[in-house]
Amino acid sequence: MGLFERYLTLWVAVCIVVGVTLGHAVPGVFHALGGATIADINLPVAILVWLMVIPMLLKIDPAALRHVGTHWRGIATTVGINWLVKPFSMALLGWLFIGYLFRPLLPAAQIDAYIAGLILLAAAPCTAMVFVWSNLVGGEPHFTLSQVALNDMIMVVAFAPLVALLLGLSSIAVPWDTLFLSVVLYIVVPVIIAQLWRRGLLARGVLDARLRQLGPLSLVALLLTLVLLFGLQGEQIIAQPMVIALLAVPIVIQVYFNAGLAYWLNRRLGVAWCVAGPSALIGASNFFELAVATAIALFGFQSGAALATVVGVLVEVPVMLSVVTIVRRSRGWYERS
């Protein structure tokens, strides 16, 4: 384990503090970075995601994808958690914490909007970042790619009806340009680049050496992403710390609940640990770009729904890294018969 991985928790904490501090000290810089968007996709974040996922996608052998069907139990578990458990568990947690327990501490006019934002956050599974989580737990990369591709296909037909059902709306204005561009930027383009690069490296017999060299790049990009995300919201965090902390509670609980449920189900079904790890992580993480864009389209930029989805962005990386740690440290328990 390298220097970055060994002290990753420390680096994450430092980057969060640096991001919030810089976001408050030089907001103009982060406003400029935050404004560099196409269809609500932030381009600086997209570039950092490329730097994170392309080195991981270099490990994928297209010929091995035909064997991914052997992991059907892991795929079925992940799909079930993503689409049959997570959105409904978040709706329940949102009602319990935001609509009931925390109601006296929050602006009354925004309660319903906060809950709506939480539901939007949980209604679509994550795409690009799960490659990072899978790589950190030594997950099976072909399973991860296949699962992400399947979730993207399901999302196209299931996201709008599911959100409409849970929000009680007759129609949902899904930002299709955001959904389409996200899939292209975070999945299609990196896969193409990685596979073309992989062919060249294999032809020269230097693939393994290059993978070792690129290892730290993914984690550096992850840490820079943290600085950017927390910097973009630095003013918001300082201005509304209590609201953000309260909104984070149901998000954190649902991450651990869904990750734990997926991990346990995979163990019960006899799924290999290298598949169960990414399955649990995919089952718990959220497609926050789509959630933020949909919240803005439905409720407006200054709405409680938009704020709730942004809190999801802030919580996602640190909490998912803690899940990665739990999965790695529990490997002995998982593989014990």
C-alpha atoms as a PDB file:
ATOM      1  CA  MET A   1       0.000   0.000   0.000  1.00  0.00           C
ATOM      2  CA  GLY A   2       1.461   3.342  -1.070  1.00  0.00           C
ATOM      3  CA  LEU A   3       1.850   6.567   0.887  1.00  0.00           C
ATOM      4  CA  PHE A   4      -1.418   8.075  -0.365  1.00  0.00           C
ATOM      5  CA  GLU A   5      -3.498   4.965   0.384  1.00  0.00           C
ATOM      6  CA  ARG A   6      -1.909   4.452   3.811  1.00  0.00           C
ATOM      7  CA  TYR A   7      -2.798   7.948   4.999  1.00  0.00           C
ATOM      8  CA  LEU A   8      -5.856   8.539   2.800  1.00  0.00           C
ATOM      9  CA  THR A   9      -8.128   9.458   5.721  1.00  0.00           C
ATOM     10  CA  LEU A  10      -5.703  12.187   6.778  1.00  0.00           C
ATOM     11  CA  TRP A  11      -5.406  13.554   3.235  1.00  0.00           C
ATOM     12  CA  VAL A  12      -9.193  13.625   2.911  1.00  0.00           C
ATOM     13  CA  ALA A  13      -9.574  15.606   6.141  1.00  0.00           C
ATOM     14  CA  VAL A  14      -6.887  18.070   5.044  1.00  0.00           C
ATOM     15  CA  CYS A  15      -8.501  18.545   1.624  1.00  0.00           C
ATOM     16  CA  ILE A  16     -11.924  19.197   3.170  1.00  0.00           C
ATOM     17  CA  VAL A  17     -10.484  21.880   5.445  1.00  0.00           C
ATOM     18  CA  VAL A  18      -8.444  23.395   2.600  1.00  0.00           C
ATOM     19  CA  GLY A  19     -11.460  23.376   0.274  1.00  0.00           C
ATOM     20  CA  VAL A  20     -13.801  25.061   2.732  1.00  0.00           C
ATOM     21  CA  THR A  21     -11.140  27.607   3.702  1.00  0.00           C
ATOM     22  CA  LEU A  22     -10.283  28.511   0.120  1.00  0.00           C
ATOM     23  CA  GLY A  23     -13.946  28.609  -0.876  1.00  0.00           C
ATOM     24  CA  HIS A  24     -14.572  31.186   1.829  1.00  0.00           C
ATOM     25  CA  ALA A  25     -11.328  33.125   1.282  1.00  0.00           C
ATOM     26  CA  VAL A  26     -11.353  33.336  -2.543  1.00  0.00           C
ATOM     27  CA  PRO A  27     -14.963  32.666  -3.583  1.00  0.00           C
ATOM     28  CA  GLY A  28     -14.462  34.339  -6.966  1.00  0.00           C
ATOM     29  CA  VAL A  29     -12.055  31.647  -8.103  1.00  0.00           C
ATOM     30  CA  PHE A  30     -14.460  28.875  -7.185  1.00  0.00           C
ATOM     31  CA  HIS A  31     -17.422  30.713  -8.683  1.00  0.00           C
ATOM     32  CA  ALA A  32     -15.504  30.773 -11.963  1.00  0.00           C
ATOM     33  CA  LEU A  33     -14.696  27.066 -11.709  1.00  0.00           C
ATOM     34  CA  GLY A  34     -18.274  26.280 -10.712  1.00  0.00           C
ATOM     35  CA  GLY A  35     -19.594  28.245 -13.671  1.00  0.00           C
ATOM     36  CA  ALA A  36     -17.642  26.169 -16.189  1.00  0.00           C
ATOM     37  CA  THR A  37     -20.529  23.837 -16.991  1.00  0.00           C
ATOM     38  CA  ILE A  38     -22.320  22.241 -19.911  1.00  0.00           C
ATOM     39  CA  ALA A  39     -25.838  20.913 -19.209  1.00  0.00           C
ATOM     40  CA  ASP A  40     -25.134  21.296 -15.479  1.00  0.00           C
ATOM     41  CA  ILE A  41     -22.016  19.086 -15.779  1.00  0.00           C
ATOM     42  CA  ASN A  42     -19.024  20.826 -14.229  1.00  0.00           C
ATOM     43  CA  LEU A  43     -16.107  20.530 -16.644  1.00  0.00           C
ATOM     44  CA  PRO A  44     -13.262  20.852 -14.091  1.00  0.00           C
ATOM     45  CA  VAL A  45     -14.855  18.028 -12.082  1.00  0.00           C
ATOM     46  CA  ALA A  46     -15.267  15.987 -15.286  1.00  0.00           C
ATOM     47  CA  ILE A  47     -11.556  16.382 -16.076  1.00  0.00           C
ATOM     48  CA  LEU A  48     -10.613  15.262 -12.567  1.00  0.00           C
ATOM     49  CA  VAL A  49     -12.949  12.274 -12.925  1.00  0.00           C
ATOM     50  CA  TRP A  50     -11.132  11.323 -16.133  1.00  0.00           C
ATOM     51  CA  LEU A  51      -7.816  11.440 -14.291  1.00  0.00           C
ATOM     52  CA  MET A  52      -9.333   9.179 -11.642  1.00  0.00           C
ATOM     53  CA  VAL A  53     -11.015   6.552 -13.802  1.00  0.00           C
ATOM     54  CA  ILE A  54      -8.883   6.218 -16.944  1.00  0.00           C
ATOM     55  CA  PRO A  55      -5.949   4.555 -15.127  1.00  0.00           C
ATOM     56  CA  MET A  56      -8.443   2.094 -13.627  1.00  0.00           C
ATOM     57  CA  LEU A  57     -10.118   1.407 -16.965  1.00  0.00           C
ATOM     58  CA  LEU A  58      -6.715   0.495 -18.405  1.00  0.00           C
ATOM     59  CA  LYS A  59      -6.997  -2.740 -16.387  1.00  0.00           C
ATOM     60  CA  ILE A  60     -10.100  -3.869 -18.269  1.00  0.00           C
ATOM     61  CA  ASP A  61      -9.633  -6.575 -20.887  1.00  0.00           C
ATOM     62  CA  PRO A  62     -12.618  -6.390 -23.296  1.00  0.00           C
ATOM     63  CA  ALA A  63     -12.321 -10.123 -23.987  1.00  0.00           C
ATOM     64  CA  ALA A  64     -12.985 -10.878 -20.323  1.00  0.00           C
ATOM     65  CA  LEU A  65     -16.325  -9.035 -20.329  1.00  0.00           C
ATOM     66  CA  ARG A  66     -18.045 -12.063 -21.870  1.00  0.00           C
ATOM     67  CA  HIS A  67     -17.482 -13.931 -18.594  1.00  0.00           C
ATOM     68  CA  VAL A  68     -19.200 -11.313 -16.437  1.00  0.00           C
ATOM     69  CA  GLY A  69     -22.406 -13.378 -16.493  1.00  0.00           C
ATOM     70  CA  THR A  70     -20.794 -15.665 -13.938  1.00  0.00           C
ATOM     71  CA  HIS A  71     -21.298 -12.826 -11.448  1.00  0.00           C
ATOM     72  CA  TRP A  72     -25.071 -12.740 -11.934  1.00  0.00           C
ATOM     73  CA  ARG A  73     -25.777 -13.000  -8.194  1.00  0.00           C
ATOM     74  CA  GLY A  74     -23.740  -9.859  -7.526  1.00  0.00           C
ATOM     75  CA  ILE A  75     -25.435  -8.062 -10.410  1.00  0.00           C
ATOM     76  CA  ALA A  76     -28.918  -9.053  -9.199  1.00  0.00           C
ATOM     77  CA  THR A  77     -28.098  -7.922  -5.655  1.00  0.00           C
ATOM     78  CA  THR A  78     -26.804  -4.543  -6.808  1.00  0.00           C
ATOM     79  CA  VAL A  79     -29.758  -3.892  -9.112  1.00  0.00           C
ATOM     80  CA  GLY A  80     -32.178  -4.791  -6.330  1.00  0.00           C
ATOM     81  CA  ILE A  81     -30.512  -2.463  -3.830  1.00  0.00           C
ATOM     82  CA  ASN A  82     -30.205   0.396  -6.333  1.00  0.00           C
ATOM     83  CA  TRP A  83     -33.766   0.334  -7.624  1.00  0.00           C
ATOM     84  CA  LEU A  84     -35.949  -1.492  -5.099  1.00  0.00           C
ATOM     85  CA  VAL A  85     -34.401  -0.497  -1.762  1.00  0.00           C
ATOM     86  CA  LYS A  86     -32.347   2.696  -1.846  1.00  0.00           C
ATOM     87  CA  PRO A  87     -34.928   5.224  -3.143  1.00  0.00           C
ATOM     88  CA  PHE A  88     -37.604   3.938  -0.757  1.00  0.00           C
ATOM     89  CA  SER A  89     -35.285   3.750   2.246  1.00  0.00           C
ATOM     90  CA  MET A  90     -34.214   7.346   1.590  1.00  0.00           C
ATOM     91  CA  ALA A  91     -37.841   8.471   1.371  1.00  0.00           C
ATOM     92  CA  LEU A  92     -38.474   6.828   4.745  1.00  0.00           C
ATOM     93  CA  LEU A  93     -35.344   8.322   6.318  1.00  0.00           C
ATOM     94  CA  GLY A  94     -36.167  11.749   4.872  1.00  0.00           C
ATOM     95  CA  TRP A  95     -39.642  11.673   6.352  1.00  0.00           C
ATOM     96  CA  LEU A  96     -38.376  10.394   9.732  1.00  0.00           C
ATOM     97  CA  PHE A  97     -35.473  12.811  10.216  1.00  0.00           C
ATOM     98  CA  ILE A  98     -36.318  15.887   8.152  1.00  0.00           C
ATOM     99  CA  GLY A  99     -40.089  15.690   8.303  1.00  0.00           C
ATOM    100  CA  TYR A 100     -40.348  14.698  11.956  1.00  0.00           C
ATOM    101  CA  LEU A 101     -37.278  14.598  14.241  1.00  0.00           C
ATOM    102  CA  PHE A 102     -35.452  17.652  12.834  1.00  0.00           C
ATOM    103  CA  ARG A 103     -38.521  19.628  11.768  1.00  0.00           C
ATOM    104  CA  PRO A 104     -38.313  22.159  14.656  1.00  0.00           C
ATOM    105  CA  LEU A 105     -34.686  22.956  13.729  1.00  0.00           C
ATOM    106  CA  LEU A 106     -35.226  23.570  10.016  1.00  0.00           C
ATOM    107  CA  PRO A 107     -37.003  26.297   7.988  1.00  0.00           C
ATOM    108  CA  ALA A 108     -40.626  25.141   7.878  1.00  0.00           C
ATOM    109  CA  ALA A 109     -41.160  26.328   4.299  1.00  0.00           C
ATOM    110  CA  GLN A 110     -38.348  24.111   2.998  1.00  0.00           C
ATOM    111  CA  ILE A 111     -39.143  20.805   4.735  1.00  0.00           C
ATOM    112  CA  ASP A 112     -40.876  19.202   1.742  1.00  0.00           C
ATOM    113  CA  ALA A 113     -38.201  20.491  -0.613  1.00  0.00           C
ATOM    114  CA  TYR A 114     -35.433  19.008   1.524  1.00  0.00           C
ATOM    115  CA  ILE A 115     -37.122  15.610   1.457  1.00  0.00           C
ATOM    116  CA  ALA A 116     -37.603  15.866  -2.308  1.00  0.00           C
ATOM    117  CA  GLY A 117     -33.896  16.592  -2.737  1.00  0.00           C
ATOM    118  CA  LEU A 118     -32.948  13.553  -0.677  1.00  0.00           C
ATOM    119  CA  ILE A 119     -35.213  11.351  -2.790  1.00  0.00           C
ATOM    120  CA  LEU A 120     -33.698  12.714  -6.014  1.00  0.00           C
ATOM    121  CA  LEU A 121     -30.260  11.959  -4.641  1.00  0.00           C
ATOM    122  CA  ALA A 122     -31.087   8.313  -3.966  1.00  0.00           C
ATOM    123  CA  ALA A 123     -33.111   7.644  -7.108  1.00  0.00           C
ATOM    124  CA  ALA A 124     -30.139   7.163  -9.426  1.00  0.00           C
ATOM    125  CA  PRO A 125     -27.016   5.072  -8.771  1.00  0.00           C
ATOM    126  CA  CYS A 126     -23.553   6.539  -9.209  1.00  0.00           C
ATOM    127  CA  THR A 127     -21.569   6.116 -12.419  1.00  0.00           C
ATOM    128  CA  ALA A 128     -17.960   7.292 -12.665  1.00  0.00           C
ATOM    129  CA  MET A 129     -16.928   7.473  -9.008  1.00  0.00           C
ATOM    130  CA  VAL A 130     -17.718   3.811  -8.413  1.00  0.00           C
ATOM    131  CA  PHE A 131     -14.674   2.927 -10.505  1.00  0.00           C
ATOM    132  CA  VAL A 132     -12.609   4.700  -7.846  1.00  0.00           C
ATOM    133  CA  TRP A 133     -14.292   2.873  -4.957  1.00  0.00           C
ATOM    134  CA  SER A 134     -14.031  -0.480  -6.752  1.00  0.00           C
ATOM    135  CA  ASN A 135     -10.345   0.047  -7.437  1.00  0.00           C
ATOM    136  CA  LEU A 136      -9.643   0.966  -3.802  1.00  0.00           C
ATOM    137  CA  VAL A 137     -11.133  -2.329  -2.582  1.00  0.00           C
ATOM    138  CA  GLY A 138      -9.486  -4.403  -5.306  1.00  0.00           C
ATOM    139  CA  GLY A 139     -12.844  -5.076  -6.933  1.00  0.00           C
ATOM    140  CA  GLU A 140     -13.371  -7.062 -10.133  1.00  0.00           C
ATOM    141  CA  PRO A 141     -13.131  -4.303 -12.799  1.00  0.00           C
ATOM    142  CA  HIS A 142     -15.164  -6.134 -15.447  1.00  0.00           C
ATOM    143  CA  PHE A 143     -18.051  -6.611 -13.038  1.00  0.00           C
ATOM    144  CA  THR A 144     -17.894  -2.925 -12.109  1.00  0.00           C
ATOM    145  CA  LEU A 145     -17.994  -1.753 -15.727  1.00  0.00           C
ATOM    146  CA  SER A 146     -20.854  -4.129 -16.605  1.00  0.00           C
ATOM    147  CA  GLN A 147     -22.864  -3.106 -13.531  1.00  0.00           C
ATOM    148  CA  VAL A 148     -22.426   0.602 -14.270  1.00  0.00           C
ATOM    149  CA  ALA A 149     -23.486   0.099 -17.892  1.00  0.00           C
ATOM    150  CA  LEU A 150     -26.582  -1.851 -16.785  1.00  0.00           C
ATOM    151  CA  ASN A 151     -27.534   0.826 -14.251  1.00  0.00           C
ATOM    152  CA  ASP A 152     -27.211   3.508 -16.921  1.00  0.00           C
ATOM    153  CA  MET A 153     -29.626   1.609 -19.175  1.00  0.00           C
ATOM    154  CA  ILE A 154     -32.124   1.118 -16.346  1.00  0.00           C
ATOM    155  CA  MET A 155     -31.822   4.776 -15.360  1.00  0.00           C
ATOM    156  CA  VAL A 156     -33.013   5.953 -18.762  1.00  0.00           C
ATOM    157  CA  VAL A 157     -36.383   4.236 -18.339  1.00  0.00           C
ATOM    158  CA  ALA A 158     -36.799   4.050 -14.540  1.00  0.00           C
ATOM    159  CA  PHE A 159     -35.533   7.336 -13.098  1.00  0.00           C
ATOM    160  CA  ALA A 160     -38.470   9.576 -14.049  1.00  0.00           C
ATOM    161  CA  PRO A 161     -41.303   7.147 -13.073  1.00  0.00           C
ATOM    162  CA  LEU A 162     -39.588   6.287  -9.782  1.00  0.00           C
ATOM    163  CA  VAL A 163     -39.080   9.916  -8.804  1.00  0.00           C
ATOM    164  CA  ALA A 164     -42.633  10.765  -9.887  1.00  0.00           C
ATOM    165  CA  LEU A 165     -43.982   7.971  -7.682  1.00  0.00           C
ATOM    166  CA  LEU A 166     -41.996   8.996  -4.598  1.00  0.00           C
ATOM    167  CA  LEU A 167     -42.564  12.739  -4.994  1.00  0.00           C
ATOM    168  CA  GLY A 168     -46.220  12.367  -5.915  1.00  0.00           C
ATOM    169  CA  LEU A 169     -45.800  14.377  -9.118  1.00  0.00           C
ATOM    170  CA  SER A 170     -47.630  13.661 -12.336  1.00  0.00           C
ATOM    171  CA  SER A 171     -44.575  14.310 -14.487  1.00  0.00           C
ATOM    172  CA  ILE A 172     -40.870  14.813 -13.945  1.00  0.00           C
ATOM    173  CA  ALA A 173     -38.766  17.197 -16.016  1.00  0.00           C
ATOM    174  CA  VAL A 174     -35.726  14.970 -16.342  1.00  0.00           C
ATOM    175  CA  PRO A 175     -32.729  16.937 -17.667  1.00  0.00           C
ATOM    176  CA  TRP A 176     -32.022  14.434 -20.424  1.00  0.00           C
ATOM    177  CA  ASP A 177     -29.095  16.453 -21.734  1.00  0.00           C
ATOM    178  CA  THR A 178     -27.420  16.129 -18.324  1.00  0.00           C
ATOM    179  CA  LEU A 179     -28.099  12.395 -18.165  1.00  0.00           C
ATOM    180  CA  PHE A 180     -26.859  11.778 -21.712  1.00  0.00           C
ATOM    181  CA  LEU A 181     -23.778  13.977 -21.372  1.00  0.00           C
ATOM    182  CA  SER A 182     -22.882  12.396 -18.027  1.00  0.00           C
ATOM    183  CA  VAL A 183     -22.911   8.915 -19.540  1.00  0.00           C
ATOM    184  CA  VAL A 184     -20.832  10.080 -22.499  1.00  0.00           C
ATOM    185  CA  LEU A 185     -18.305  12.061 -20.437  1.00  0.00           C
ATOM    186  CA  TYR A 186     -17.963   9.690 -17.496  1.00  0.00           C
ATOM    187  CA  ILE A 187     -18.306   6.296 -19.196  1.00  0.00           C
ATOM    188  CA  VAL A 188     -18.076   6.279 -22.997  1.00  0.00           C
ATOM    189  CA  VAL A 189     -15.183   8.682 -23.544  1.00  0.00           C
ATOM    190  CA  PRO A 190     -12.948   7.340 -20.713  1.00  0.00           C
ATOM    191  CA  VAL A 191     -13.547   3.731 -21.841  1.00  0.00           C
ATOM    192  CA  ILE A 192     -12.572   4.572 -25.432  1.00  0.00           C
ATOM    193  CA  ILE A 193      -9.467   6.499 -24.357  1.00  0.00           C
ATOM    194  CA  ALA A 194      -8.421   3.763 -21.942  1.00  0.00           C
ATOM    195  CA  GLN A 195      -8.856   0.952 -24.454  1.00  0.00           C
ATOM    196  CA  LEU A 196      -6.933   2.760 -27.205  1.00  0.00           C
ATOM    197  CA  TRP A 197      -4.168   3.539 -24.720  1.00  0.00           C
ATOM    198  CA  ARG A 198      -4.217  -0.053 -23.421  1.00  0.00           C
ATOM    199  CA  ARG A 199      -3.655  -1.416 -26.943  1.00  0.00           C
ATOM    200  CA  GLY A 200      -0.644   0.830 -27.397  1.00  0.00           C
ATOM    201  CA  LEU A 201       0.832  -0.108 -24.012  1.00  0.00           C
ATOM    202  CA  LEU A 202       0.298  -3.835 -24.649  1.00  0.00           C
ATOM    203  CA  ALA A 203       1.937  -3.546 -28.052  1.00  0.00           C
ATOM    204  CA  ARG A 204       5.024  -2.068 -26.377  1.00  0.00           C
ATOM    205  CA  GLY A 205       4.864  -4.503 -23.445  1.00  0.00           C
ATOM    206  CA  VAL A 206       4.739  -1.757 -20.825  1.00  0.00           C
ATOM    207  CA  LEU A 207       1.156  -1.994 -19.518  1.00  0.00           C
ATOM    208  CA  ASP A 208       2.019  -3.233 -16.010  1.00  0.00           C
ATOM    209  CA  ALA A 209       4.800  -0.674 -15.565  1.00  0.00           C
ATOM    210  CA  ARG A 210       2.537   2.161 -16.674  1.00  0.00           C
ATOM    211  CA  LEU A 211      -0.249   1.041 -14.332  1.00  0.00           C
ATOM    212  CA  ARG A 212       2.179   1.210 -11.404  1.00  0.00           C
ATOM    213  CA  GLN A 213       3.258   4.706 -12.446  1.00  0.00           C
ATOM    214  CA  LEU A 214      -0.336   5.926 -12.796  1.00  0.00           C
ATOM    215  CA  GLY A 215      -1.517   4.522  -9.464  1.00  0.00           C
ATOM    216  CA  PRO A 216      -0.973   7.727  -7.425  1.00  0.00           C
ATOM    217  CA  LEU A 217      -2.580   9.877 -10.150  1.00  0.00           C
ATOM    218  CA  SER A 218      -6.076   8.573  -9.407  1.00  0.00           C
ATOM    219  CA  LEU A 219      -5.805   9.370  -5.696  1.00  0.00           C
ATOM    220  CA  VAL A 220      -4.303  12.811  -6.319  1.00  0.00           C
ATOM    221  CA  ALA A 221      -7.232  13.574  -8.659  1.00  0.00           C
ATOM    222  CA  LEU A 222      -9.648  12.320  -5.988  1.00  0.00           C
ATOM    223  CA  LEU A 223      -8.141  14.658  -3.392  1.00  0.00           C
ATOM    224  CA  LEU A 224      -8.220  17.619  -5.801  1.00  0.00           C
ATOM    225  CA  THR A 225     -11.876  16.826  -6.490  1.00  0.00           C
ATOM    226  CA  LEU A 226     -12.539  17.068  -2.758  1.00  0.00           C
ATOM    227  CA  VAL A 227     -10.849  20.477  -2.582  1.00  0.00           C
ATOM    228  CA  LEU A 228     -12.906  21.670  -5.542  1.00  0.00           C
ATOM    229  CA  LEU A 229     -16.257  20.336  -4.296  1.00  0.00           C
ATOM    230  CA  PHE A 230     -15.848  21.705  -0.783  1.00  0.00           C
ATOM    231  CA  GLY A 231     -14.437  24.947  -2.158  1.00  0.00           C
ATOM    232  CA  LEU A 232     -17.477  25.417  -4.375  1.00  0.00           C
ATOM    233  CA  GLN A 233     -19.697  25.098  -1.307  1.00  0.00           C
ATOM    234  CA  GLY A 234     -17.385  26.770   1.231  1.00  0.00           C
ATOM    235  CA  GLU A 235     -19.598  29.821   1.689  1.00  0.00           C
ATOM    236  CA  GLN A 236     -22.714  27.665   1.987  1.00  0.00           C
ATOM    237  CA  ILE A 237     -21.132  25.452   4.639  1.00  0.00           C
ATOM    238  CA  ILE A 238     -20.082  28.401   6.761  1.00  0.00           C
ATOM    239  CA  ALA A 239     -23.425  30.208   6.302  1.00  0.00           C
ATOM    240  CA  GLN A 240     -25.697  27.210   7.064  1.00  0.00           C
ATOM    241  CA  PRO A 241     -23.675  24.660   9.064  1.00  0.00           C
ATOM    242  CA  MET A 242     -26.653  23.427  11.105  1.00  0.00           C
ATOM    243  CA  VAL A 243     -28.914  22.834   8.088  1.00  0.00           C
ATOM    244  CA  ILE A 244     -26.155  21.027   6.224  1.00  0.00           C
ATOM    245  CA  ALA A 245     -25.297  18.866   9.234  1.00  0.00           C
ATOM    246  CA  LEU A 246     -28.942  17.860   9.725  1.00  0.00           C
ATOM    247  CA  LEU A 247     -29.451  17.059   6.031  1.00  0.00           C
ATOM    248  CA  ALA A 248     -26.310  14.924   6.112  1.00  0.00           C
ATOM    249  CA  VAL A 249     -27.727  12.597   8.791  1.00  0.00           C
ATOM    250  CA  PRO A 250     -30.226  10.630   6.631  1.00  0.00           C
ATOM    251  CA  ILE A 251     -27.735  10.594   3.731  1.00  0.00           C
ATOM    252  CA  VAL A 252     -25.018   9.029   5.867  1.00  0.00           C
ATOM    253  CA  ILE A 253     -27.424   6.486   7.364  1.00  0.00           C
ATOM    254  CA  GLN A 254     -28.725   5.391   3.974  1.00  0.00           C
ATOM    255  CA  VAL A 255     -25.176   4.946   2.618  1.00  0.00           C
ATOM    256  CA  TYR A 256     -24.201   2.617   5.454  1.00  0.00           C
ATOM    257  CA  PHE A 257     -27.560   0.818   5.411  1.00  0.00           C
ATOM    258  CA  ASN A 258     -27.559   0.079   1.682  1.00  0.00           C
ATOM    259  CA  ALA A 259     -23.857  -0.785   1.551  1.00  0.00           C
ATOM    260  CA  GLY A 260     -24.239  -3.106   4.523  1.00  0.00           C
ATOM    261  CA  LEU A 261     -27.358  -4.763   3.125  1.00  0.00           C
ATOM    262  CA  ALA A 262     -25.742  -5.368  -0.271  1.00  0.00           C
ATOM    263  CA  TYR A 263     -22.553  -6.700   1.346  1.00  0.00           C
ATOM    264  CA  TRP A 264     -24.503  -9.075   3.609  1.00  0.00           C
ATOM    265  CA  LEU A 265     -26.764 -10.319   0.794  1.00  0.00           C
ATOM    266  CA  ASN A 266     -23.759 -11.036  -1.415  1.00  0.00           C
ATOM    267  CA  ARG A 267     -22.184 -13.062   1.391  1.00  0.00           C
ATOM    268  CA  ARG A 268     -25.401 -15.008   1.908  1.00  0.00           C
ATOM    269  CA  LEU A 269     -25.529 -15.754  -1.826  1.00  0.00           C
ATOM    270  CA  GLY A 270     -21.936 -16.970  -1.935  1.00  0.00           C
ATOM    271  CA  VAL A 271     -20.621 -14.137  -4.106  1.00  0.00           C
ATOM    272  CA  ALA A 272     -16.847 -13.685  -4.284  1.00  0.00           C
ATOM    273  CA  TRP A 273     -15.457 -10.818  -2.181  1.00  0.00           C
ATOM    274  CA  CYS A 274     -13.945  -9.098  -5.252  1.00  0.00           C
ATOM    275  CA  VAL A 275     -17.514  -8.737  -6.585  1.00  0.00           C
ATOM    276  CA  ALA A 276     -19.281  -8.140  -3.258  1.00  0.00           C
ATOM    277  CA  GLY A 277     -17.055  -5.137  -2.485  1.00  0.00           C
ATOM    278  CA  PRO A 278     -17.914  -3.091  -5.584  1.00  0.00           C
ATOM    279  CA  SER A 279     -21.511  -4.358  -5.391  1.00  0.00           C
ATOM    280  CA  ALA A 280     -21.885  -2.839  -1.913  1.00  0.00           C
ATOM    281  CA  LEU A 281     -20.248   0.405  -3.007  1.00  0.00           C
ATOM    282  CA  ILE A 282     -22.338   0.760  -6.161  1.00  0.00           C
ATOM    283  CA  GLY A 283     -25.433  -0.021  -4.122  1.00  0.00           C
ATOM    284  CA  ALA A 284     -24.689   2.828  -1.712  1.00  0.00           C
ATOM    285  CA  SER A 285     -23.355   5.650  -3.886  1.00  0.00           C
ATOM    286  CA  ASN A 286     -25.397   8.287  -5.716  1.00  0.00           C
ATOM    287  CA  PHE A 287     -25.393   9.975  -9.129  1.00  0.00           C
ATOM    288  CA  PHE A 288     -25.193  13.455  -7.631  1.00  0.00           C
ATOM    289  CA  GLU A 289     -24.771  15.317 -10.942  1.00  0.00           C
ATOM    290  CA  LEU A 290     -28.158  14.113 -12.154  1.00  0.00           C
ATOM    291  CA  ALA A 291     -29.744  14.735  -8.739  1.00  0.00           C
ATOM    292  CA  VAL A 292     -28.507  18.338  -8.583  1.00  0.00           C
ATOM    293  CA  ALA A 293     -29.567  19.080 -12.157  1.00  0.00           C
ATOM    294  CA  THR A 294     -33.046  17.597 -11.637  1.00  0.00           C
ATOM    295  CA  ALA A 295     -33.527  19.455  -8.346  1.00  0.00           C
ATOM    296  CA  ILE A 296     -32.647  22.752 -10.014  1.00  0.00           C
ATOM    297  CA  ALA A 297     -34.935  22.008 -12.978  1.00  0.00           C
ATOM    298  CA  LEU A 298     -37.887  21.087 -10.738  1.00  0.00           C
ATOM    299  CA  PHE A 299     -37.513  23.413  -7.762  1.00  0.00           C
ATOM    300  CA  GLY A 300     -35.022  26.141  -8.653  1.00  0.00           C
ATOM    301  CA  PHE A 301     -31.394  26.920  -7.870  1.00  0.00           C
ATOM    302  CA  GLN A 302     -32.097  28.419  -4.419  1.00  0.00           C
ATOM    303  CA  SER A 303     -34.504  25.698  -3.309  1.00  0.00           C
ATOM    304  CA  GLY A 304     -34.153  23.366  -0.357  1.00  0.00           C
ATOM    305  CA  ALA A 305     -34.168  20.462  -2.798  1.00  0.00           C
ATOM    306  CA  ALA A 306     -31.088  21.798  -4.573  1.00  0.00           C
ATOM    307  CA  LEU A 307     -29.336  22.314  -1.231  1.00  0.00           C
ATOM    308  CA  ALA A 308     -30.120  18.761  -0.117  1.00  0.00           C
ATOM    309  CA  THR A 309     -28.582  17.323  -3.285  1.00  0.00           C
ATOM    310  CA  VAL A 310     -25.502  19.503  -2.805  1.00  0.00           C
ATOM    311  CA  VAL A 311     -25.120  18.132   0.724  1.00  0.00           C
ATOM    312  CA  GLY A 312     -25.112  14.719  -0.925  1.00  0.00           C
ATOM    313  CA  VAL A 313     -22.152  15.842  -3.022  1.00  0.00           C
ATOM    314  CA  LEU A 314     -20.266  16.963   0.078  1.00  0.00           C
ATOM    315  CA  VAL A 315     -21.023  13.775   2.028  1.00  0.00           C
ATOM    316  CA  GLU A 316     -20.424  11.317  -0.820  1.00  0.00           C
ATOM    317  CA  VAL A 317     -16.634  11.131  -0.963  1.00  0.00           C
ATOM    318  CA  PRO A 318     -15.689  11.050   2.747  1.00  0.00           C
ATOM    319  CA  VAL A 319     -18.464   8.613   3.641  1.00  0.00           C
ATOM    320  CA  MET A 320     -17.791   6.302   0.694  1.00  0.00           C
ATOM    321  CA  LEU A 321     -14.108   6.241   1.613  1.00  0.00           C
ATOM    322  CA  SER A 322     -15.106   5.043   5.086  1.00  0.00           C
ATOM    323  CA  VAL A 323     -17.194   2.287   3.451  1.00  0.00           C
ATOM    324  CA  VAL A 324     -14.148   1.321   1.386  1.00  0.00           C
ATOM    325  CA  THR A 325     -12.148   0.979   4.622  1.00  0.00           C
ATOM    326  CA  ILE A 326     -14.854  -1.173   6.226  1.00  0.00           C
ATOM    327  CA  VAL A 327     -15.080  -3.478   3.200  1.00  0.00           C
ATOM    328  CA  ARG A 328     -11.315  -3.922   3.030  1.00  0.00           C
ATOM    329  CA  ARG A 329     -10.909  -4.607   6.736  1.00  0.00           C
ATOM    330  CA  SER A 330     -13.809  -7.071   6.834  1.00  0.00           C
ATOM    331  CA  ARG A 331     -12.492  -9.307   4.062  1.00  0.00           C
ATOM    332  CA  GLY A 332     -11.502 -12.010   6.556  1.00  0.00           C
ATOM    333  CA  TRP A 333     -15.016 -12.061   8.040  1.00  0.00           C
ATOM    334  CA  TYR A 334     -16.597 -12.123   4.575  1.00  0.00           C
ATOM    335  CA  GLU A 335     -14.521 -15.037   3.283  1.00  0.00           C
ATOM    336  CA  ARG A 336     -14.858 -17.099   6.442  1.00  0.00           C
ATOM    337  CA  SER A 337     -17.198 -19.967   5.750  1.00  0.00           C
END
